């Protein structure tokens, strides 16, 4: 069920229903009403979602020992990261490459659902309210020209696990992961060479409707 309103003689579907609370504006994506003694959803969340957003927002660059353990922090900004490797963004993917021995490059992201009116909510918020389900498809990739270490995690699930020889690609289907809205990847080298970690966000399905996923660079 959806809500339509009349404006200037034209009937349009309502893009969203927002409210203000403690100086913030939030989307209301669960609205119920009583019809003939039965409680029904007044808004179908799939009617007001535009896409999902993966917001990359945290960097950490550390020096590691021969066991891959962090022993000191070098920085938490793009300038430091680019000194020891690189990061690149596609429409729906993010890739991290380390090119310096004994360095670990780490980035973290947050996943949002973005509504048609421009407001957004944490991915976990849409299922914690109840009555909403989602399935997220993500593909991980790892490459080593030499030995090193990696992390490839989405919503507290390892997309790639175990020892990687040369390269590996694996996919994961994550459904209704509660109390999680973040993910991260890292690349670290034991010796000189190249270590690349990548995640590609294929699609997200909310209440049976598929939406695209966009990766946004919010790093500084």
N, C-alpha and C. Protein backbone atom coordinates (compact mmCIF):
# COMPACT_ATOMS: atom_id res chain seq x y z
N UNK A 1 0.85 -1.18 0.00
CA UNK A 1 0.00 0.00 0.00
C UNK A 1 0.88 1.24 0.00
N UNK A 2 0.49 2.27 -0.72
CA UNK A 2 1.25 3.51 -0.76
C UNK A 2 0.32 4.68 -0.48
N UNK A 3 0.93 5.86 -0.20
CA UNK A 3 0.18 7.07 0.08
C UNK A 3 0.32 8.02 -1.09
N UNK A 4 -0.81 8.55 -1.58
CA UNK A 4 -0.80 9.53 -2.66
C UNK A 4 -1.40 10.83 -2.14
N UNK A 5 -0.87 11.94 -2.64
CA UNK A 5 -1.38 13.24 -2.23
C UNK A 5 -1.66 14.09 -3.48
N UNK A 6 -2.57 15.04 -3.33
CA UNK A 6 -2.87 15.94 -4.42
C UNK A 6 -2.18 17.28 -4.22
N UNK A 7 -1.46 17.73 -5.24
CA UNK A 7 -0.76 19.01 -5.18
C UNK A 7 -0.87 19.71 -6.53
N UNK A 8 -1.45 20.91 -6.55
CA UNK A 8 -1.60 21.70 -7.76
C UNK A 8 -2.33 20.93 -8.86
N UNK A 9 -3.35 20.22 -8.43
CA UNK A 9 -4.17 19.49 -9.38
C UNK A 9 -3.59 18.20 -9.89
N UNK A 10 -2.46 17.77 -9.34
CA UNK A 10 -1.81 16.53 -9.78
C UNK A 10 -1.68 15.60 -8.58
N UNK A 11 -2.03 14.32 -8.77
CA UNK A 11 -1.89 13.32 -7.73
C UNK A 11 -0.53 12.65 -7.86
N UNK A 12 0.24 12.70 -6.78
CA UNK A 12 1.57 12.10 -6.79
C UNK A 12 1.72 11.15 -5.61
N UNK A 13 2.59 10.15 -5.80
CA UNK A 13 2.90 9.24 -4.70
C UNK A 13 3.85 9.91 -3.73
N UNK A 14 3.56 9.77 -2.43
CA UNK A 14 4.40 10.36 -1.40
C UNK A 14 5.76 9.67 -1.40
N UNK A 15 6.84 10.46 -1.48
CA UNK A 15 8.19 9.89 -1.52
C UNK A 15 8.65 9.40 -0.16
N UNK A 16 8.14 10.02 0.89
CA UNK A 16 8.56 9.63 2.23
C UNK A 16 7.78 10.40 3.26
N UNK A 17 7.91 9.96 4.50
CA UNK A 17 7.22 10.61 5.60
C UNK A 17 8.24 10.85 6.70
N UNK A 18 8.59 12.12 6.91
CA UNK A 18 9.66 12.45 7.85
C UNK A 18 9.11 13.15 9.08
N UNK A 19 9.89 13.10 10.16
CA UNK A 19 9.52 13.83 11.37
C UNK A 19 10.80 14.36 12.04
N UNK A 20 10.63 15.38 12.86
CA UNK A 20 11.77 15.97 13.56
C UNK A 20 11.82 15.51 15.00
N UNK A 21 13.06 15.26 15.47
CA UNK A 21 13.23 14.83 16.86
C UNK A 21 14.63 15.22 17.30
N UNK A 22 14.73 16.04 18.37
CA UNK A 22 16.00 16.46 18.95
C UNK A 22 16.92 17.06 17.88
N UNK A 23 16.39 18.00 17.14
CA UNK A 23 17.13 18.75 16.11
C UNK A 23 17.51 17.91 14.90
N UNK A 24 17.01 16.69 14.80
CA UNK A 24 17.26 15.86 13.64
C UNK A 24 15.98 15.57 12.88
N UNK A 25 16.12 15.22 11.59
CA UNK A 25 14.98 14.84 10.77
C UNK A 25 15.17 13.39 10.36
N UNK A 26 14.15 12.57 10.61
CA UNK A 26 14.25 11.14 10.39
C UNK A 26 13.10 10.64 9.52
N UNK A 27 13.38 9.58 8.78
CA UNK A 27 12.35 8.97 7.93
C UNK A 27 11.48 8.03 8.75
N UNK A 28 10.18 8.10 8.52
CA UNK A 28 9.25 7.13 9.11
C UNK A 28 8.94 6.09 8.05
N UNK A 29 9.45 4.87 8.23
CA UNK A 29 9.25 3.87 7.19
C UNK A 29 8.32 2.75 7.61
N UNK A 30 7.80 2.81 8.83
CA UNK A 30 6.76 1.87 9.25
C UNK A 30 5.56 2.69 9.74
N UNK A 31 4.48 2.68 8.99
CA UNK A 31 3.26 3.38 9.38
C UNK A 31 2.11 2.40 9.25
N UNK A 32 1.35 2.21 10.31
CA UNK A 32 0.26 1.24 10.29
C UNK A 32 -1.07 1.95 10.54
N UNK A 33 -2.14 1.34 10.05
CA UNK A 33 -3.46 1.89 10.29
C UNK A 33 -4.46 0.74 10.44
N UNK A 34 -5.60 1.04 11.07
CA UNK A 34 -6.63 0.03 11.24
C UNK A 34 -7.68 0.14 10.15
N UNK A 35 -7.92 -0.94 9.43
CA UNK A 35 -8.93 -0.98 8.37
C UNK A 35 -9.82 -2.19 8.60
N UNK A 36 -11.12 -1.93 8.85
CA UNK A 36 -12.09 -3.00 9.09
C UNK A 36 -11.62 -3.93 10.21
N UNK A 37 -11.06 -3.34 11.26
CA UNK A 37 -10.64 -4.13 12.41
C UNK A 37 -9.33 -4.86 12.24
N UNK A 38 -8.63 -4.61 11.13
CA UNK A 38 -7.34 -5.27 10.87
C UNK A 38 -6.26 -4.21 10.74
N UNK A 39 -5.11 -4.42 11.41
CA UNK A 39 -3.98 -3.49 11.32
C UNK A 39 -3.15 -3.85 10.10
N UNK A 40 -2.96 -2.87 9.21
CA UNK A 40 -2.19 -3.08 7.99
C UNK A 40 -1.12 -1.99 7.85
N UNK A 41 -0.08 -2.30 7.06
CA UNK A 41 0.95 -1.31 6.77
C UNK A 41 0.39 -0.27 5.81
N UNK A 42 0.51 1.00 6.19
CA UNK A 42 0.05 2.07 5.33
C UNK A 42 1.09 2.42 4.27
N UNK A 43 2.37 2.24 4.62
CA UNK A 43 3.46 2.49 3.69
C UNK A 43 4.22 1.19 3.45
N UNK A 44 4.44 0.85 2.18
CA UNK A 44 5.33 -0.26 1.83
C UNK A 44 6.72 0.34 1.67
N UNK A 45 7.66 -0.09 2.50
CA UNK A 45 8.98 0.53 2.49
C UNK A 45 9.64 0.45 1.12
N UNK A 46 9.33 -0.58 0.34
CA UNK A 46 9.94 -0.71 -0.98
C UNK A 46 9.47 0.39 -1.93
N UNK A 47 8.36 1.06 -1.60
CA UNK A 47 7.86 2.15 -2.44
C UNK A 47 8.62 3.45 -2.21
N UNK A 48 9.29 3.58 -1.07
CA UNK A 48 9.95 4.85 -0.75
C UNK A 48 11.47 4.77 -0.75
N UNK A 49 12.05 3.57 -0.98
CA UNK A 49 13.51 3.43 -1.05
C UNK A 49 13.99 3.77 -2.45
N UNK A 50 15.10 4.49 -2.52
CA UNK A 50 15.74 4.78 -3.81
C UNK A 50 16.92 3.85 -4.06
N UNK A 51 17.81 3.71 -3.06
CA UNK A 51 18.98 2.85 -3.22
C UNK A 51 19.61 2.63 -1.84
N UNK A 52 20.65 1.83 -1.80
CA UNK A 52 21.46 1.67 -0.58
C UNK A 52 22.79 2.38 -0.80
N UNK A 53 23.36 2.88 0.28
CA UNK A 53 24.62 3.61 0.20
C UNK A 53 25.65 2.98 1.13
N UNK A 54 26.84 2.71 0.59
CA UNK A 54 27.98 2.26 1.38
C UNK A 54 28.89 3.47 1.56
N UNK A 55 28.91 4.03 2.74
CA UNK A 55 29.68 5.25 3.03
C UNK A 55 31.02 4.88 3.66
N UNK A 56 32.10 5.02 2.89
CA UNK A 56 33.44 4.72 3.40
C UNK A 56 33.92 5.94 4.18
N UNK A 57 34.15 5.77 5.49
CA UNK A 57 34.33 6.93 6.34
C UNK A 57 35.49 6.86 7.33
N UNK A 58 36.23 5.74 7.37
CA UNK A 58 37.30 5.61 8.36
C UNK A 58 38.55 5.01 7.73
N UNK A 59 39.69 5.58 8.06
CA UNK A 59 41.00 5.07 7.63
C UNK A 59 41.86 4.83 8.85
N UNK A 60 42.68 3.77 8.78
CA UNK A 60 43.71 3.56 9.77
C UNK A 60 44.91 2.94 9.07
N UNK A 61 46.08 3.52 9.31
CA UNK A 61 47.33 2.99 8.75
C UNK A 61 48.26 2.67 9.91
N UNK A 62 48.67 1.39 9.99
CA UNK A 62 49.50 0.94 11.10
C UNK A 62 50.76 0.23 10.61
N UNK A 63 51.77 0.27 11.44
CA UNK A 63 52.96 -0.56 11.23
C UNK A 63 52.76 -1.88 11.95
N UNK A 64 53.12 -2.99 11.28
CA UNK A 64 52.93 -4.32 11.85
C UNK A 64 54.27 -5.02 12.00
N UNK A 65 54.29 -6.04 12.85
CA UNK A 65 55.49 -6.86 12.99
C UNK A 65 55.44 -8.07 12.06
N UNK A 66 56.36 -8.99 12.22
CA UNK A 66 56.45 -10.15 11.33
C UNK A 66 55.30 -11.13 11.51
N UNK A 67 54.51 -10.96 12.57
CA UNK A 67 53.32 -11.80 12.79
C UNK A 67 52.04 -11.10 12.34
N UNK A 68 52.17 -9.93 11.75
CA UNK A 68 50.99 -9.19 11.30
C UNK A 68 50.27 -8.45 12.39
N UNK A 69 50.91 -8.29 13.55
CA UNK A 69 50.29 -7.59 14.68
C UNK A 69 50.64 -6.11 14.63
N UNK A 70 49.65 -5.26 14.90
CA UNK A 70 49.88 -3.81 14.92
C UNK A 70 50.82 -3.45 16.07
N UNK A 71 51.84 -2.65 15.75
CA UNK A 71 52.76 -2.22 16.81
C UNK A 71 52.79 -0.69 16.96
N UNK A 72 52.33 0.03 15.94
CA UNK A 72 52.24 1.49 16.07
C UNK A 72 51.30 2.02 15.00
N UNK A 73 50.77 3.23 15.25
CA UNK A 73 49.85 3.85 14.30
C UNK A 73 50.57 4.95 13.54
N UNK A 74 50.41 4.94 12.21
CA UNK A 74 51.04 5.93 11.35
C UNK A 74 50.12 7.12 11.05
N UNK A 75 48.80 6.86 10.98
CA UNK A 75 47.88 7.94 10.68
C UNK A 75 46.49 7.45 10.38
N UNK A 76 45.57 8.41 10.17
CA UNK A 76 44.18 8.05 9.90
C UNK A 76 43.59 8.96 8.83
N UNK A 77 44.40 9.24 7.78
CA UNK A 77 43.97 10.14 6.72
C UNK A 77 44.44 9.63 5.37
N UNK A 78 43.91 10.23 4.30
CA UNK A 78 44.25 9.80 2.94
C UNK A 78 45.71 10.05 2.59
N UNK A 79 46.27 11.13 3.10
CA UNK A 79 47.67 11.43 2.81
C UNK A 79 48.57 10.31 3.29
N UNK A 80 48.33 9.82 4.50
CA UNK A 80 49.13 8.72 5.03
C UNK A 80 48.89 7.44 4.25
N UNK A 81 47.62 7.14 3.96
CA UNK A 81 47.30 5.93 3.19
C UNK A 81 48.01 5.93 1.84
N UNK A 82 47.98 7.06 1.14
CA UNK A 82 48.58 7.14 -0.19
C UNK A 82 50.10 7.06 -0.16
N UNK A 83 50.68 7.24 1.01
CA UNK A 83 52.13 7.11 1.15
C UNK A 83 52.57 5.64 1.08
N UNK A 84 51.67 4.74 1.50
CA UNK A 84 52.03 3.33 1.58
C UNK A 84 51.21 2.44 0.65
N UNK A 85 50.31 3.03 -0.12
CA UNK A 85 49.47 2.25 -1.02
C UNK A 85 48.47 3.15 -1.71
N UNK A 86 47.27 2.62 -1.95
CA UNK A 86 46.25 3.42 -2.65
C UNK A 86 44.86 2.87 -2.36
N UNK A 87 43.87 3.72 -2.64
CA UNK A 87 42.47 3.31 -2.55
C UNK A 87 41.76 3.79 -3.80
N UNK A 88 40.83 2.98 -4.30
CA UNK A 88 40.07 3.37 -5.48
C UNK A 88 38.61 3.01 -5.29
N UNK A 89 37.74 3.77 -5.97
CA UNK A 89 36.31 3.60 -5.82
C UNK A 89 35.68 3.38 -7.19
N UNK A 90 34.76 2.42 -7.26
CA UNK A 90 33.88 2.26 -8.39
C UNK A 90 32.47 2.63 -7.97
N UNK A 91 31.54 2.55 -8.89
CA UNK A 91 30.15 2.87 -8.56
C UNK A 91 29.64 2.03 -7.40
N UNK A 92 30.01 0.73 -7.39
CA UNK A 92 29.51 -0.18 -6.36
C UNK A 92 30.62 -0.99 -5.71
N UNK A 93 31.86 -0.48 -5.72
CA UNK A 93 32.95 -1.22 -5.10
C UNK A 93 34.00 -0.29 -4.54
N UNK A 94 34.81 -0.82 -3.63
CA UNK A 94 35.93 -0.09 -3.07
C UNK A 94 37.11 -1.05 -2.99
N UNK A 95 38.30 -0.57 -3.35
CA UNK A 95 39.49 -1.41 -3.41
C UNK A 95 40.64 -0.73 -2.67
N UNK A 96 41.34 -1.52 -1.87
CA UNK A 96 42.44 -1.04 -1.05
C UNK A 96 43.69 -1.83 -1.41
N UNK A 97 44.80 -1.13 -1.73
CA UNK A 97 46.04 -1.78 -2.12
C UNK A 97 47.20 -1.29 -1.28
N UNK A 98 47.91 -2.22 -0.64
CA UNK A 98 49.11 -1.92 0.13
C UNK A 98 50.33 -2.27 -0.70
N UNK A 99 51.31 -1.37 -0.75
CA UNK A 99 52.52 -1.60 -1.54
C UNK A 99 53.80 -1.45 -0.71
N UNK A 100 53.65 -1.44 0.62
CA UNK A 100 54.79 -1.20 1.50
C UNK A 100 54.87 -2.29 2.56
N UNK A 101 56.06 -2.88 2.72
CA UNK A 101 56.25 -3.94 3.70
C UNK A 101 56.01 -3.43 5.11
N UNK A 102 55.42 -4.31 5.92
CA UNK A 102 55.17 -4.05 7.34
C UNK A 102 54.18 -2.91 7.59
N UNK A 103 53.30 -2.65 6.61
CA UNK A 103 52.24 -1.67 6.79
C UNK A 103 50.88 -2.34 6.59
N UNK A 104 49.90 -1.91 7.40
CA UNK A 104 48.53 -2.37 7.24
C UNK A 104 47.63 -1.16 6.94
N UNK A 105 46.92 -1.23 5.82
CA UNK A 105 45.95 -0.21 5.45
C UNK A 105 44.56 -0.74 5.75
N UNK A 106 43.75 0.06 6.41
CA UNK A 106 42.43 -0.39 6.90
C UNK A 106 41.40 0.69 6.60
N UNK A 107 40.23 0.29 6.09
CA UNK A 107 39.11 1.22 5.92
C UNK A 107 37.84 0.57 6.46
N UNK A 108 36.96 1.41 6.97
CA UNK A 108 35.66 0.95 7.47
C UNK A 108 34.55 1.74 6.78
N UNK A 109 33.40 1.10 6.60
CA UNK A 109 32.27 1.76 5.96
C UNK A 109 30.99 1.50 6.75
N UNK A 110 29.98 2.33 6.47
CA UNK A 110 28.65 2.19 7.06
C UNK A 110 27.63 2.04 5.94
N UNK A 111 26.67 1.15 6.11
CA UNK A 111 25.65 0.92 5.09
C UNK A 111 24.34 1.59 5.50
N UNK A 112 23.81 2.40 4.58
CA UNK A 112 22.55 3.10 4.79
C UNK A 112 21.52 2.67 3.73
N UNK A 113 20.26 2.84 4.07
CA UNK A 113 19.18 2.81 3.08
C UNK A 113 18.80 4.26 2.80
N UNK A 114 18.81 4.65 1.53
CA UNK A 114 18.51 6.03 1.14
C UNK A 114 17.10 6.08 0.54
N UNK A 115 16.26 6.98 1.06
CA UNK A 115 14.88 7.08 0.61
C UNK A 115 14.75 8.09 -0.54
N UNK A 116 13.63 8.05 -1.22
CA UNK A 116 13.43 8.89 -2.39
C UNK A 116 13.41 10.37 -2.06
N UNK A 117 13.12 10.71 -0.81
CA UNK A 117 13.13 12.12 -0.42
C UNK A 117 14.50 12.60 0.04
N UNK A 118 15.51 11.71 -0.05
CA UNK A 118 16.87 12.08 0.27
C UNK A 118 17.32 11.73 1.68
N UNK A 119 16.40 11.47 2.59
CA UNK A 119 16.77 11.05 3.93
C UNK A 119 17.26 9.59 3.91
N UNK A 120 17.98 9.20 4.95
CA UNK A 120 18.49 7.84 4.98
C UNK A 120 18.48 7.30 6.40
N UNK A 121 18.59 5.97 6.49
CA UNK A 121 18.59 5.29 7.79
C UNK A 121 19.65 4.20 7.76
N UNK A 122 20.20 3.88 8.95
CA UNK A 122 21.12 2.76 9.03
C UNK A 122 20.41 1.48 8.56
N UNK A 123 21.16 0.62 7.89
CA UNK A 123 20.57 -0.62 7.38
C UNK A 123 19.89 -1.41 8.48
N UNK A 124 20.50 -1.49 9.65
CA UNK A 124 19.92 -2.26 10.74
C UNK A 124 18.61 -1.67 11.24
N UNK A 125 18.44 -0.36 11.06
CA UNK A 125 17.22 0.29 11.56
C UNK A 125 15.97 -0.23 10.87
N UNK A 126 16.09 -0.60 9.60
CA UNK A 126 14.88 -0.99 8.88
C UNK A 126 14.36 -2.35 9.31
N UNK A 127 15.24 -3.20 9.90
CA UNK A 127 14.73 -4.49 10.37
C UNK A 127 14.46 -4.50 11.86
N UNK A 128 15.10 -3.56 12.60
CA UNK A 128 14.87 -3.54 14.05
C UNK A 128 13.47 -3.06 14.38
N UNK A 129 12.84 -2.32 13.45
CA UNK A 129 11.47 -1.86 13.67
C UNK A 129 10.48 -3.00 13.51
N UNK A 130 10.80 -3.96 12.68
CA UNK A 130 9.91 -5.11 12.47
C UNK A 130 9.16 -5.02 11.16
N UNK A 131 8.89 -6.17 10.57
CA UNK A 131 8.10 -6.23 9.36
C UNK A 131 8.87 -5.98 8.08
N UNK A 132 10.20 -5.79 8.17
CA UNK A 132 11.02 -5.54 6.99
C UNK A 132 12.16 -6.54 6.95
N UNK A 133 12.44 -7.08 5.77
CA UNK A 133 13.55 -8.01 5.59
C UNK A 133 14.41 -7.53 4.44
N UNK A 134 15.68 -7.92 4.46
CA UNK A 134 16.57 -7.57 3.35
C UNK A 134 17.55 -8.70 3.08
N UNK A 135 18.11 -8.70 1.87
CA UNK A 135 19.19 -9.60 1.48
C UNK A 135 20.22 -8.79 0.72
N UNK A 136 21.46 -8.81 1.20
CA UNK A 136 22.56 -8.07 0.58
C UNK A 136 23.53 -9.04 -0.06
N UNK A 137 23.86 -8.81 -1.34
CA UNK A 137 24.83 -9.62 -2.06
C UNK A 137 26.14 -8.85 -2.19
N UNK A 138 27.24 -9.44 -1.70
CA UNK A 138 28.55 -8.80 -1.74
C UNK A 138 29.60 -9.80 -2.19
N UNK A 139 30.55 -9.34 -3.00
CA UNK A 139 31.65 -10.18 -3.49
C UNK A 139 32.97 -9.62 -3.01
N UNK A 140 33.80 -10.49 -2.43
CA UNK A 140 35.12 -10.09 -1.96
C UNK A 140 36.21 -10.61 -2.88
N UNK A 141 37.31 -9.88 -2.92
CA UNK A 141 38.46 -10.26 -3.75
C UNK A 141 39.74 -9.97 -2.98
N UNK A 142 40.70 -10.92 -3.06
CA UNK A 142 42.00 -10.72 -2.44
C UNK A 142 43.09 -11.12 -3.42
N UNK A 143 44.19 -10.33 -3.43
CA UNK A 143 45.33 -10.64 -4.29
C UNK A 143 46.63 -10.39 -3.51
N UNK A 144 47.58 -11.33 -3.63
CA UNK A 144 48.90 -11.18 -3.03
C UNK A 144 49.97 -11.49 -4.07
N UNK A 145 50.92 -10.58 -4.23
CA UNK A 145 52.10 -10.89 -5.03
C UNK A 145 53.18 -11.52 -4.17
N UNK A 146 53.00 -11.39 -2.85
CA UNK A 146 53.91 -11.95 -1.87
C UNK A 146 53.08 -12.24 -0.63
N UNK A 147 53.71 -12.59 0.46
CA UNK A 147 52.95 -12.95 1.66
C UNK A 147 52.50 -11.71 2.42
N UNK A 148 51.38 -11.86 3.14
CA UNK A 148 50.84 -10.76 3.93
C UNK A 148 49.57 -11.17 4.65
N UNK A 149 48.75 -10.19 4.97
CA UNK A 149 47.54 -10.44 5.74
C UNK A 149 46.40 -9.59 5.18
N UNK A 150 45.17 -10.01 5.46
CA UNK A 150 44.02 -9.27 4.94
C UNK A 150 42.84 -9.41 5.89
N UNK A 151 41.84 -8.54 5.71
CA UNK A 151 40.51 -8.68 6.31
C UNK A 151 39.50 -8.29 5.25
N UNK A 152 38.42 -9.06 5.16
CA UNK A 152 37.38 -8.79 4.17
C UNK A 152 36.04 -9.15 4.83
N UNK A 153 35.43 -8.15 5.51
CA UNK A 153 34.29 -8.39 6.40
C UNK A 153 33.16 -7.44 6.07
N UNK A 154 31.95 -7.97 6.01
CA UNK A 154 30.75 -7.17 5.79
C UNK A 154 29.67 -7.57 6.79
N UNK A 155 29.17 -6.62 7.55
CA UNK A 155 28.12 -6.88 8.55
C UNK A 155 28.50 -8.02 9.48
N UNK A 156 29.75 -7.98 9.95
CA UNK A 156 30.28 -8.95 10.91
C UNK A 156 30.40 -10.36 10.32
N UNK A 157 30.33 -10.50 9.00
CA UNK A 157 30.51 -11.78 8.32
C UNK A 157 31.76 -11.71 7.44
N UNK A 158 32.64 -12.70 7.55
CA UNK A 158 33.82 -12.76 6.70
C UNK A 158 33.41 -13.16 5.29
N UNK A 159 33.63 -12.25 4.34
CA UNK A 159 33.31 -12.55 2.95
C UNK A 159 34.33 -13.52 2.38
N UNK A 160 35.60 -13.34 2.76
CA UNK A 160 36.66 -14.28 2.41
C UNK A 160 37.34 -14.71 3.70
N UNK A 161 37.59 -16.00 3.84
CA UNK A 161 38.23 -16.52 5.05
C UNK A 161 39.41 -17.41 4.66
N UNK A 162 40.32 -17.59 5.62
CA UNK A 162 41.41 -18.55 5.44
C UNK A 162 42.57 -18.01 4.61
N UNK A 163 43.53 -18.89 4.37
CA UNK A 163 44.74 -18.53 3.65
C UNK A 163 44.44 -18.30 2.17
N UNK A 164 45.02 -17.23 1.62
CA UNK A 164 44.86 -16.92 0.21
C UNK A 164 46.20 -17.07 -0.49
N UNK A 165 46.26 -17.94 -1.48
CA UNK A 165 47.45 -18.12 -2.30
C UNK A 165 47.24 -17.41 -3.63
N UNK A 166 48.01 -16.38 -3.88
CA UNK A 166 47.91 -15.58 -5.09
C UNK A 166 46.63 -14.74 -5.08
N UNK A 167 45.47 -15.33 -5.39
CA UNK A 167 44.23 -14.54 -5.40
C UNK A 167 43.03 -15.43 -5.13
N UNK A 168 41.95 -14.79 -4.71
CA UNK A 168 40.70 -15.52 -4.49
C UNK A 168 39.52 -14.55 -4.58
N UNK A 169 38.41 -15.05 -5.11
CA UNK A 169 37.16 -14.31 -5.17
C UNK A 169 36.05 -15.15 -4.56
N UNK A 170 35.30 -14.57 -3.63
CA UNK A 170 34.19 -15.28 -3.00
C UNK A 170 33.02 -14.30 -2.84
N UNK A 171 31.81 -14.86 -2.85
CA UNK A 171 30.61 -14.05 -2.67
C UNK A 171 29.84 -14.51 -1.44
N UNK A 172 29.09 -13.58 -0.87
CA UNK A 172 28.28 -13.89 0.31
C UNK A 172 26.90 -13.26 0.15
N UNK A 173 25.90 -13.97 0.63
CA UNK A 173 24.53 -13.47 0.67
C UNK A 173 24.17 -13.28 2.13
N UNK A 174 23.98 -12.04 2.54
CA UNK A 174 23.71 -11.71 3.94
C UNK A 174 22.26 -11.30 4.09
N UNK A 175 21.56 -11.95 5.01
CA UNK A 175 20.12 -11.72 5.17
C UNK A 175 19.79 -11.32 6.60
N UNK A 176 19.19 -10.15 6.74
CA UNK A 176 18.67 -9.68 8.04
C UNK A 176 19.69 -9.82 9.16
N UNK A 177 20.87 -9.24 8.97
CA UNK A 177 21.90 -9.27 10.00
C UNK A 177 21.58 -8.21 11.04
N UNK A 178 21.27 -8.66 12.24
CA UNK A 178 20.83 -7.75 13.30
C UNK A 178 22.01 -7.10 14.00
N UNK A 179 21.78 -5.85 14.42
CA UNK A 179 22.74 -5.09 15.23
C UNK A 179 24.07 -4.84 14.53
N UNK A 180 24.07 -4.89 13.20
CA UNK A 180 25.28 -4.60 12.44
C UNK A 180 24.93 -3.70 11.26
N UNK A 181 25.73 -2.69 11.02
CA UNK A 181 25.51 -1.84 9.86
C UNK A 181 26.82 -1.44 9.20
N UNK A 182 27.96 -2.02 9.67
CA UNK A 182 29.28 -1.65 9.18
C UNK A 182 29.97 -2.83 8.48
N UNK A 183 31.10 -2.51 7.87
CA UNK A 183 31.99 -3.51 7.29
C UNK A 183 33.37 -2.91 7.15
N UNK A 184 34.35 -3.73 6.77
CA UNK A 184 35.71 -3.21 6.64
C UNK A 184 36.56 -4.14 5.80
N UNK A 185 37.64 -3.57 5.23
CA UNK A 185 38.65 -4.36 4.55
C UNK A 185 40.02 -3.82 4.96
N UNK A 186 41.03 -4.70 4.90
CA UNK A 186 42.39 -4.27 5.18
C UNK A 186 43.35 -5.06 4.32
N UNK A 187 44.51 -4.44 4.08
CA UNK A 187 45.59 -5.07 3.31
C UNK A 187 46.90 -4.81 4.03
N UNK A 188 47.73 -5.86 4.18
CA UNK A 188 49.02 -5.71 4.85
C UNK A 188 50.04 -6.63 4.18
N UNK A 189 51.29 -6.17 4.13
CA UNK A 189 52.37 -6.92 3.51
C UNK A 189 53.44 -7.30 4.53
N UNK A 190 53.92 -8.56 4.40
CA UNK A 190 55.05 -8.98 5.23
C UNK A 190 56.36 -8.51 4.60
N UNK A 191 56.45 -8.64 3.28
CA UNK A 191 57.63 -8.20 2.54
C UNK A 191 57.17 -7.24 1.43
N UNK A 192 58.09 -6.81 0.60
CA UNK A 192 57.73 -5.91 -0.50
C UNK A 192 56.83 -6.64 -1.48
N UNK A 193 56.00 -5.88 -2.19
CA UNK A 193 55.08 -6.48 -3.15
C UNK A 193 53.77 -5.72 -3.17
N UNK A 194 52.69 -6.45 -3.42
CA UNK A 194 51.36 -5.84 -3.50
C UNK A 194 50.32 -6.74 -2.85
N UNK A 195 49.47 -6.14 -2.05
CA UNK A 195 48.33 -6.84 -1.46
C UNK A 195 47.09 -5.99 -1.73
N UNK A 196 46.07 -6.60 -2.36
CA UNK A 196 44.85 -5.88 -2.71
C UNK A 196 43.63 -6.54 -2.09
N UNK A 197 42.80 -5.74 -1.46
CA UNK A 197 41.52 -6.19 -0.93
C UNK A 197 40.40 -5.38 -1.57
N UNK A 198 39.33 -6.06 -1.98
CA UNK A 198 38.22 -5.35 -2.63
C UNK A 198 36.89 -5.96 -2.21
N UNK A 199 35.88 -5.09 -2.12
CA UNK A 199 34.50 -5.56 -1.95
C UNK A 199 33.63 -4.91 -3.02
N UNK A 200 32.77 -5.72 -3.63
CA UNK A 200 31.81 -5.24 -4.61
C UNK A 200 30.41 -5.54 -4.09
N UNK A 201 29.57 -4.54 -4.06
CA UNK A 201 28.21 -4.68 -3.54
C UNK A 201 27.27 -4.84 -4.72
N UNK A 202 26.82 -6.07 -4.94
CA UNK A 202 26.09 -6.41 -6.16
C UNK A 202 24.67 -5.84 -6.17
N UNK A 203 23.94 -6.06 -5.08
CA UNK A 203 22.56 -5.56 -5.00
C UNK A 203 22.04 -5.78 -3.59
N UNK A 204 20.94 -5.10 -3.30
CA UNK A 204 20.22 -5.34 -2.05
C UNK A 204 18.75 -5.50 -2.38
N UNK A 205 18.11 -6.46 -1.74
CA UNK A 205 16.68 -6.69 -1.92
C UNK A 205 15.97 -6.42 -0.60
N UNK A 206 15.00 -5.52 -0.61
CA UNK A 206 14.24 -5.18 0.58
C UNK A 206 12.79 -5.55 0.35
N UNK A 207 12.27 -6.41 1.20
CA UNK A 207 10.88 -6.90 1.06
C UNK A 207 10.59 -7.37 -0.36
N UNK A 208 11.57 -8.06 -0.95
CA UNK A 208 11.37 -8.66 -2.27
C UNK A 208 11.66 -7.77 -3.45
N UNK A 209 11.99 -6.50 -3.22
CA UNK A 209 12.29 -5.57 -4.31
C UNK A 209 13.79 -5.28 -4.33
N UNK A 210 14.42 -5.37 -5.50
CA UNK A 210 15.86 -5.18 -5.64
C UNK A 210 16.19 -3.70 -5.87
N UNK A 211 17.27 -3.25 -5.21
CA UNK A 211 17.73 -1.87 -5.35
C UNK A 211 19.24 -1.86 -5.59
N UNK A 212 19.74 -0.85 -6.30
CA UNK A 212 21.19 -0.75 -6.50
C UNK A 212 21.89 -0.29 -5.23
N UNK A 213 23.20 -0.54 -5.19
CA UNK A 213 24.03 -0.11 -4.08
C UNK A 213 25.11 0.81 -4.62
N UNK A 214 25.26 1.98 -3.99
CA UNK A 214 26.25 2.96 -4.42
C UNK A 214 27.30 3.14 -3.32
N UNK A 215 28.58 3.13 -3.72
CA UNK A 215 29.67 3.37 -2.78
C UNK A 215 30.04 4.84 -2.82
N UNK A 216 30.13 5.46 -1.64
CA UNK A 216 30.41 6.89 -1.52
C UNK A 216 31.70 7.08 -0.75
N UNK A 217 32.59 7.90 -1.28
CA UNK A 217 33.87 8.22 -0.64
C UNK A 217 33.70 9.41 0.30
N UNK A 218 33.72 9.16 1.60
CA UNK A 218 33.64 10.23 2.59
C UNK A 218 34.94 10.34 3.39
N UNK A 219 36.04 9.97 2.77
CA UNK A 219 37.34 10.01 3.43
C UNK A 219 37.98 11.39 3.25
N UNK A 220 38.85 11.72 4.18
CA UNK A 220 39.61 12.97 4.08
C UNK A 220 41.08 12.71 4.33
